[in-house]
Amino acid sequence: MADQLYRVELTASFLERLDAIEAFLVEAQASFAFDDLLAELRSTVIPNLRRFPRMGRRYLVNPPQSAEALALLAAMPAGAPHALREYLHGDHLMLYAAMEAQKTVVLLTIRHHRQLSFDFARLWPSAPSTYD
C-alpha cells in the first residue's frame, strides 16, 4: 500500500519572497529564470515534498548562535523548531516545516543559497495557503 501523500502549504512569507525574487530577476532582465524556478517548484520540489516530507536536512543540526535567532526559535509553537527542515534545489534554499500529525509540509520561505540567513521574525505568524 502506498504511503499517503502530504499536503503542501505555501505561507504568505514564502509567496512574498517569490515576489521579491521575481522583481529582482525582472530588473536583471532574467525573467526566464523566474519562470524556470516556478516550473521546478511545480514539477520537482512540491511533488518531492508531498512524497518525501523528511527529505530535507534538519534545520537544527546547525542551530543558530545569535541570541535574537534563539529567542525567535523559542517563541515558535511547541515542537515547531524540531519540524524545521532545509531543502536545497538548484540555487535556492527553502525552509519548511514537516508537520507529521497533520500530514502537511509548510513552505515557510525561500532564498538564494548565497543569502546570509532566513528572516524568522516574519515566518511563523503567516497563515498558509494550501497547494495540493
N, C-alpha and C. Protein backbone atom coordinates (compact mmCIF):
# COMPACT_ATOMS: atom_id res chain seq x y z
N MET A 1 0.84 -1.18 0.00
CA MET A 1 0.00 0.00 0.00
C MET A 1 0.89 1.24 0.00
N ALA A 2 0.57 2.20 -0.84
CA ALA A 2 1.36 3.43 -0.96
C ALA A 2 1.14 4.33 0.25
N ASP A 3 2.21 5.03 0.63
CA ASP A 3 2.09 5.99 1.72
C ASP A 3 1.19 7.14 1.28
N GLN A 4 0.50 7.72 2.26
CA GLN A 4 -0.36 8.87 1.98
C GLN A 4 0.52 10.08 1.64
N LEU A 5 0.14 10.79 0.58
CA LEU A 5 0.87 11.99 0.21
C LEU A 5 0.55 13.11 1.20
N TYR A 6 1.56 13.91 1.48
CA TYR A 6 1.37 15.07 2.34
C TYR A 6 0.79 16.22 1.53
N ARG A 7 0.09 17.10 2.20
CA ARG A 7 -0.39 18.34 1.60
C ARG A 7 0.75 19.35 1.73
N VAL A 8 0.93 20.20 0.73
CA VAL A 8 1.95 21.25 0.78
C VAL A 8 1.25 22.59 0.84
N GLU A 9 1.62 23.39 1.84
CA GLU A 9 1.06 24.73 2.01
C GLU A 9 2.15 25.77 1.80
N LEU A 10 1.78 26.86 1.16
CA LEU A 10 2.70 27.98 0.94
C LEU A 10 2.26 29.12 1.86
N THR A 11 3.16 29.59 2.70
CA THR A 11 2.82 30.69 3.60
C THR A 11 2.89 32.02 2.85
N ALA A 12 2.32 33.03 3.45
CA ALA A 12 2.39 34.38 2.88
C ALA A 12 3.84 34.83 2.76
N SER A 13 4.68 34.47 3.72
CA SER A 13 6.09 34.88 3.64
C SER A 13 6.80 34.18 2.48
N PHE A 14 6.45 32.94 2.19
CA PHE A 14 7.04 32.24 1.04
C PHE A 14 6.63 32.95 -0.26
N LEU A 15 5.35 33.27 -0.36
CA LEU A 15 4.85 33.96 -1.56
C LEU A 15 5.46 35.36 -1.71
N GLU A 16 5.67 36.06 -0.59
CA GLU A 16 6.32 37.37 -0.64
C GLU A 16 7.76 37.25 -1.14
N ARG A 17 8.47 36.23 -0.69
CA ARG A 17 9.84 36.01 -1.14
C ARG A 17 9.87 35.68 -2.63
N LEU A 18 8.89 34.90 -3.12
CA LEU A 18 8.81 34.63 -4.56
C LEU A 18 8.61 35.93 -5.33
N ASP A 19 7.75 36.81 -4.81
CA ASP A 19 7.55 38.12 -5.45
C ASP A 19 8.86 38.90 -5.51
N ALA A 20 9.63 38.88 -4.42
CA ALA A 20 10.90 39.61 -4.39
C ALA A 20 11.90 39.00 -5.36
N ILE A 21 11.92 37.68 -5.46
CA ILE A 21 12.81 37.01 -6.41
C ILE A 21 12.42 37.40 -7.83
N GLU A 22 11.12 37.41 -8.11
CA GLU A 22 10.66 37.79 -9.44
C GLU A 22 11.06 39.22 -9.78
N ALA A 23 10.84 40.15 -8.85
CA ALA A 23 11.20 41.55 -9.09
C ALA A 23 12.69 41.69 -9.37
N PHE A 24 13.51 41.00 -8.61
CA PHE A 24 14.95 41.05 -8.81
C PHE A 24 15.33 40.52 -10.19
N LEU A 25 14.77 39.39 -10.58
CA LEU A 25 15.12 38.78 -11.86
C LEU A 25 14.58 39.57 -13.05
N VAL A 26 13.41 40.17 -12.90
CA VAL A 26 12.87 41.01 -13.98
C VAL A 26 13.77 42.22 -14.17
N GLU A 27 14.18 42.84 -13.06
CA GLU A 27 15.08 44.01 -13.15
C GLU A 27 16.42 43.62 -13.77
N ALA A 28 16.87 42.40 -13.52
CA ALA A 28 18.13 41.92 -14.09
C ALA A 28 17.95 41.37 -15.50
N GLN A 29 16.76 41.55 -16.05
CA GLN A 29 16.41 41.06 -17.38
C GLN A 29 16.63 39.55 -17.50
N ALA A 30 16.24 38.85 -16.45
CA ALA A 30 16.36 37.39 -16.42
C ALA A 30 15.05 36.76 -15.97
N SER A 31 13.93 37.29 -16.46
CA SER A 31 12.63 36.77 -16.04
C SER A 31 12.46 35.30 -16.39
N PHE A 32 13.17 34.82 -17.40
CA PHE A 32 13.14 33.40 -17.75
C PHE A 32 13.57 32.54 -16.57
N ALA A 33 14.50 33.04 -15.75
CA ALA A 33 14.98 32.29 -14.60
C ALA A 33 13.87 32.14 -13.56
N PHE A 34 13.01 33.15 -13.43
CA PHE A 34 11.89 33.05 -12.51
C PHE A 34 10.88 32.03 -13.03
N ASP A 35 10.63 32.05 -14.33
CA ASP A 35 9.72 31.05 -14.92
C ASP A 35 10.26 29.64 -14.68
N ASP A 36 11.58 29.48 -14.82
CA ASP A 36 12.21 28.18 -14.56
C ASP A 36 12.04 27.77 -13.10
N LEU A 37 12.21 28.73 -12.18
CA LEU A 37 12.05 28.45 -10.76
C LEU A 37 10.64 27.96 -10.47
N LEU A 38 9.63 28.67 -10.99
CA LEU A 38 8.24 28.25 -10.77
C LEU A 38 7.97 26.87 -11.34
N ALA A 39 8.51 26.61 -12.52
CA ALA A 39 8.32 25.29 -13.14
C ALA A 39 8.96 24.20 -12.28
N GLU A 40 10.14 24.47 -11.73
CA GLU A 40 10.81 23.49 -10.87
C GLU A 40 10.05 23.28 -9.56
N LEU A 41 9.48 24.36 -9.00
CA LEU A 41 8.68 24.20 -7.79
C LEU A 41 7.50 23.28 -8.06
N ARG A 42 6.83 23.50 -9.19
CA ARG A 42 5.65 22.69 -9.52
C ARG A 42 6.00 21.25 -9.89
N SER A 43 7.06 21.08 -10.68
CA SER A 43 7.34 19.75 -11.23
C SER A 43 8.23 18.88 -10.35
N THR A 44 9.04 19.51 -9.50
CA THR A 44 10.01 18.72 -8.72
C THR A 44 9.88 18.94 -7.22
N VAL A 45 10.00 20.18 -6.77
CA VAL A 45 10.06 20.46 -5.33
C VAL A 45 8.78 20.02 -4.62
N ILE A 46 7.64 20.51 -5.06
CA ILE A 46 6.39 20.19 -4.36
C ILE A 46 6.07 18.70 -4.44
N PRO A 47 6.18 18.06 -5.62
CA PRO A 47 5.95 16.61 -5.64
C PRO A 47 6.91 15.83 -4.73
N ASN A 48 8.18 16.24 -4.68
CA ASN A 48 9.14 15.56 -3.79
C ASN A 48 8.73 15.70 -2.33
N LEU A 49 8.34 16.91 -1.93
CA LEU A 49 7.94 17.13 -0.54
C LEU A 49 6.64 16.42 -0.20
N ARG A 50 5.74 16.31 -1.15
CA ARG A 50 4.49 15.58 -0.90
C ARG A 50 4.79 14.11 -0.61
N ARG A 51 5.75 13.57 -1.32
CA ARG A 51 6.05 12.15 -1.19
C ARG A 51 7.09 11.86 -0.10
N PHE A 52 8.08 12.75 0.04
CA PHE A 52 9.18 12.55 0.99
C PHE A 52 9.34 13.78 1.88
N PRO A 53 8.43 14.01 2.80
CA PRO A 53 8.44 15.25 3.59
C PRO A 53 9.67 15.45 4.47
N ARG A 54 10.37 14.39 4.79
CA ARG A 54 11.55 14.50 5.65
C ARG A 54 12.85 14.46 4.84
N MET A 55 12.76 14.73 3.53
CA MET A 55 13.95 14.63 2.69
C MET A 55 14.97 15.75 2.97
N GLY A 56 14.51 16.89 3.42
CA GLY A 56 15.42 18.00 3.69
C GLY A 56 16.23 17.78 4.96
N ARG A 57 17.32 18.49 5.03
CA ARG A 57 18.19 18.42 6.20
C ARG A 57 17.52 19.11 7.38
N ARG A 58 17.61 18.53 8.56
CA ARG A 58 17.04 19.14 9.76
C ARG A 58 17.73 20.48 10.01
N TYR A 59 16.95 21.52 10.20
CA TYR A 59 17.48 22.86 10.39
C TYR A 59 18.33 22.96 11.65
N LEU A 60 17.92 22.30 12.70
CA LEU A 60 18.62 22.45 13.99
C LEU A 60 19.87 21.59 14.10
N VAL A 61 20.29 20.92 13.02
CA VAL A 61 21.57 20.21 13.04
C VAL A 61 22.68 21.22 13.31
N ASN A 62 22.57 22.40 12.71
CA ASN A 62 23.49 23.51 12.95
C ASN A 62 22.67 24.69 13.45
N PRO A 63 22.28 24.69 14.73
CA PRO A 63 21.40 25.74 15.23
C PRO A 63 22.05 27.12 15.19
N PRO A 64 21.21 28.13 15.08
CA PRO A 64 21.75 29.49 15.09
C PRO A 64 22.40 29.79 16.44
N GLN A 65 23.34 30.72 16.43
CA GLN A 65 24.08 31.05 17.64
C GLN A 65 23.69 32.39 18.25
N SER A 66 23.03 33.25 17.48
CA SER A 66 22.71 34.58 18.00
C SER A 66 21.55 34.51 19.00
N ALA A 67 21.59 35.41 19.96
CA ALA A 67 20.53 35.48 20.96
C ALA A 67 19.18 35.79 20.30
N GLU A 68 19.21 36.64 19.27
CA GLU A 68 17.97 37.01 18.59
C GLU A 68 17.33 35.80 17.91
N ALA A 69 18.12 35.03 17.17
CA ALA A 69 17.60 33.86 16.47
C ALA A 69 17.12 32.81 17.46
N LEU A 70 17.86 32.61 18.53
CA LEU A 70 17.45 31.64 19.54
C LEU A 70 16.14 32.06 20.21
N ALA A 71 15.97 33.35 20.44
CA ALA A 71 14.72 33.85 21.03
C ALA A 71 13.55 33.63 20.07
N LEU A 72 13.77 33.84 18.78
CA LEU A 72 12.71 33.62 17.80
C LEU A 72 12.33 32.15 17.72
N LEU A 73 13.31 31.27 17.77
CA LEU A 73 13.01 29.84 17.78
C LEU A 73 12.22 29.46 19.03
N ALA A 74 12.59 30.03 20.17
CA ALA A 74 11.89 29.74 21.42
C ALA A 74 10.45 30.23 21.40
N ALA A 75 10.17 31.27 20.61
CA ALA A 75 8.82 31.83 20.54
C ALA A 75 7.89 31.04 19.60
N MET A 76 8.45 30.10 18.85
CA MET A 76 7.63 29.31 17.95
C MET A 76 6.74 28.35 18.74
N PRO A 77 5.67 27.88 18.12
CA PRO A 77 4.80 26.90 18.81
C PRO A 77 5.59 25.66 19.22
N ALA A 78 5.11 24.99 20.26
CA ALA A 78 5.79 23.80 20.78
C ALA A 78 6.02 22.78 19.67
N GLY A 79 7.24 22.28 19.58
CA GLY A 79 7.60 21.28 18.60
C GLY A 79 7.95 21.81 17.22
N ALA A 80 7.59 23.06 16.94
CA ALA A 80 7.81 23.63 15.60
C ALA A 80 9.29 23.71 15.22
N PRO A 81 10.18 24.16 16.11
CA PRO A 81 11.59 24.22 15.71
C PRO A 81 12.16 22.87 15.27
N HIS A 82 11.69 21.80 15.88
CA HIS A 82 12.20 20.47 15.53
C HIS A 82 11.61 19.96 14.23
N ALA A 83 10.56 20.59 13.74
CA ALA A 83 9.95 20.21 12.46
C ALA A 83 10.61 20.94 11.29
N LEU A 84 11.46 21.93 11.59
CA LEU A 84 12.08 22.73 10.54
C LEU A 84 13.12 21.93 9.76
N ARG A 85 13.04 22.08 8.43
CA ARG A 85 13.98 21.41 7.55
C ARG A 85 14.37 22.36 6.42
N GLU A 86 15.52 22.09 5.83
CA GLU A 86 16.02 22.87 4.69
C GLU A 86 16.07 21.98 3.46
N TYR A 87 15.67 22.52 2.34
CA TYR A 87 15.69 21.80 1.07
C TYR A 87 16.42 22.68 0.07
N LEU A 88 17.57 22.22 -0.41
CA LEU A 88 18.34 22.94 -1.41
C LEU A 88 17.97 22.38 -2.77
N HIS A 89 17.51 23.27 -3.65
CA HIS A 89 17.16 22.87 -5.01
C HIS A 89 17.72 23.92 -5.96
N GLY A 90 18.67 23.51 -6.77
CA GLY A 90 19.31 24.46 -7.67
C GLY A 90 20.01 25.53 -6.86
N ASP A 91 19.72 26.79 -7.17
CA ASP A 91 20.34 27.92 -6.46
C ASP A 91 19.52 28.39 -5.26
N HIS A 92 18.44 27.70 -4.94
CA HIS A 92 17.55 28.18 -3.89
C HIS A 92 17.45 27.21 -2.73
N LEU A 93 17.40 27.81 -1.55
CA LEU A 93 17.26 27.07 -0.31
C LEU A 93 15.89 27.40 0.27
N MET A 94 15.13 26.37 0.56
CA MET A 94 13.80 26.57 1.13
C MET A 94 13.77 26.08 2.56
N LEU A 95 13.13 26.84 3.42
CA LEU A 95 12.91 26.44 4.80
C LEU A 95 11.47 25.98 4.89
N TYR A 96 11.27 24.79 5.45
CA TYR A 96 9.91 24.28 5.57
C TYR A 96 9.75 23.53 6.87
N ALA A 97 8.50 23.29 7.23
CA ALA A 97 8.18 22.50 8.42
C ALA A 97 7.41 21.27 7.97
N ALA A 98 7.88 20.11 8.38
CA ALA A 98 7.18 18.85 8.11
C ALA A 98 6.33 18.53 9.34
N MET A 99 5.03 18.75 9.18
CA MET A 99 4.09 18.56 10.29
C MET A 99 3.52 17.14 10.19
N GLU A 100 4.10 16.23 10.96
CA GLU A 100 3.75 14.81 10.85
C GLU A 100 2.28 14.54 11.16
N ALA A 101 1.79 15.07 12.27
CA ALA A 101 0.42 14.77 12.70
C ALA A 101 -0.62 15.23 11.68
N GLN A 102 -0.36 16.34 11.02
CA GLN A 102 -1.30 16.88 10.03
C GLN A 102 -1.03 16.38 8.62
N LYS A 103 0.04 15.60 8.44
CA LYS A 103 0.46 15.15 7.10
C LYS A 103 0.57 16.34 6.15
N THR A 104 1.27 17.37 6.63
CA THR A 104 1.39 18.63 5.90
C THR A 104 2.84 19.11 5.91
N VAL A 105 3.25 19.65 4.78
CA VAL A 105 4.53 20.35 4.67
C VAL A 105 4.19 21.81 4.47
N VAL A 106 4.77 22.67 5.28
CA VAL A 106 4.52 24.11 5.20
C VAL A 106 5.80 24.78 4.70
N LEU A 107 5.74 25.31 3.48
CA LEU A 107 6.88 26.06 2.92
C LEU A 107 6.87 27.44 3.54
N LEU A 108 7.92 27.75 4.31
CA LEU A 108 7.98 28.98 5.08
C LEU A 108 8.65 30.13 4.33
N THR A 109 9.76 29.83 3.65
CA THR A 109 10.46 30.88 2.94
C THR A 109 11.42 30.25 1.93
N ILE A 110 11.89 31.08 1.03
CA ILE A 110 12.85 30.65 0.02
C ILE A 110 13.87 31.77 -0.13
N ARG A 111 15.10 31.39 -0.36
CA ARG A 111 16.15 32.38 -0.57
C ARG A 111 17.21 31.79 -1.48
N HIS A 112 18.01 32.65 -2.07
CA HIS A 112 19.16 32.20 -2.86
C HIS A 112 20.16 31.62 -1.87
N HIS A 113 20.83 30.55 -2.24
CA HIS A 113 21.72 29.88 -1.29
C HIS A 113 22.86 30.76 -0.81
N ARG A 114 23.15 31.86 -1.51
CA ARG A 114 24.23 32.76 -1.07
C ARG A 114 23.77 33.85 -0.12
N GLN A 115 22.46 33.99 0.10
CA GLN A 115 21.98 34.96 1.07
C GLN A 115 22.42 34.53 2.46
N LEU A 116 22.53 35.48 3.36
CA LEU A 116 23.09 35.18 4.68
C LEU A 116 22.20 34.31 5.55
N SER A 117 20.90 34.62 5.65
CA SER A 117 20.06 33.86 6.57
C SER A 117 18.59 34.04 6.23
N PHE A 118 17.76 33.28 6.94
CA PHE A 118 16.31 33.40 6.82
C PHE A 118 15.81 34.51 7.74
N ASP A 119 14.67 35.07 7.42
CA ASP A 119 14.05 36.12 8.23
C ASP A 119 13.00 35.48 9.13
N PHE A 120 13.41 34.96 10.29
CA PHE A 120 12.50 34.26 11.18
C PHE A 120 11.39 35.14 11.74
N ALA A 121 11.64 36.41 11.92
CA ALA A 121 10.66 37.28 12.54
C ALA A 121 9.35 37.32 11.77
N ARG A 122 9.42 37.12 10.45
CA ARG A 122 8.21 37.22 9.64
C ARG A 122 7.64 35.87 9.24
N LEU A 123 8.25 34.78 9.65
CA LEU A 123 7.87 33.48 9.13
C LEU A 123 6.62 32.86 9.75
N TRP A 124 6.62 32.66 11.01
CA TRP A 124 5.63 31.78 11.59
C TRP A 124 4.22 32.34 11.68
N PRO A 125 3.99 33.61 11.96
CA PRO A 125 2.62 34.07 12.16
C PRO A 125 1.76 34.06 10.89
N SER A 126 2.33 33.92 9.72
CA SER A 126 1.58 33.98 8.47
C SER A 126 0.71 32.75 8.31
N ALA A 127 -0.55 32.97 7.93
CA ALA A 127 -1.46 31.86 7.67
C ALA A 127 -1.14 31.28 6.29
N PRO A 128 -1.00 29.96 6.20
CA PRO A 128 -0.65 29.36 4.91
C PRO A 128 -1.82 29.30 3.94
N SER A 129 -1.49 29.27 2.66
CA SER A 129 -2.47 28.95 1.65
C SER A 129 -2.13 27.57 1.15
N THR A 130 -3.11 26.75 0.84
CA THR A 130 -2.88 25.36 0.51
C THR A 130 -2.54 25.18 -0.96
N TYR A 131 -1.61 24.28 -1.21
CA TYR A 131 -1.27 23.87 -2.57
C TYR A 131 -1.34 22.35 -2.59
N ASP A 132 -2.31 21.79 -3.25
CA ASP A 132 -2.42 20.33 -3.37
C ASP A 132 -2.11 19.88 -4.76
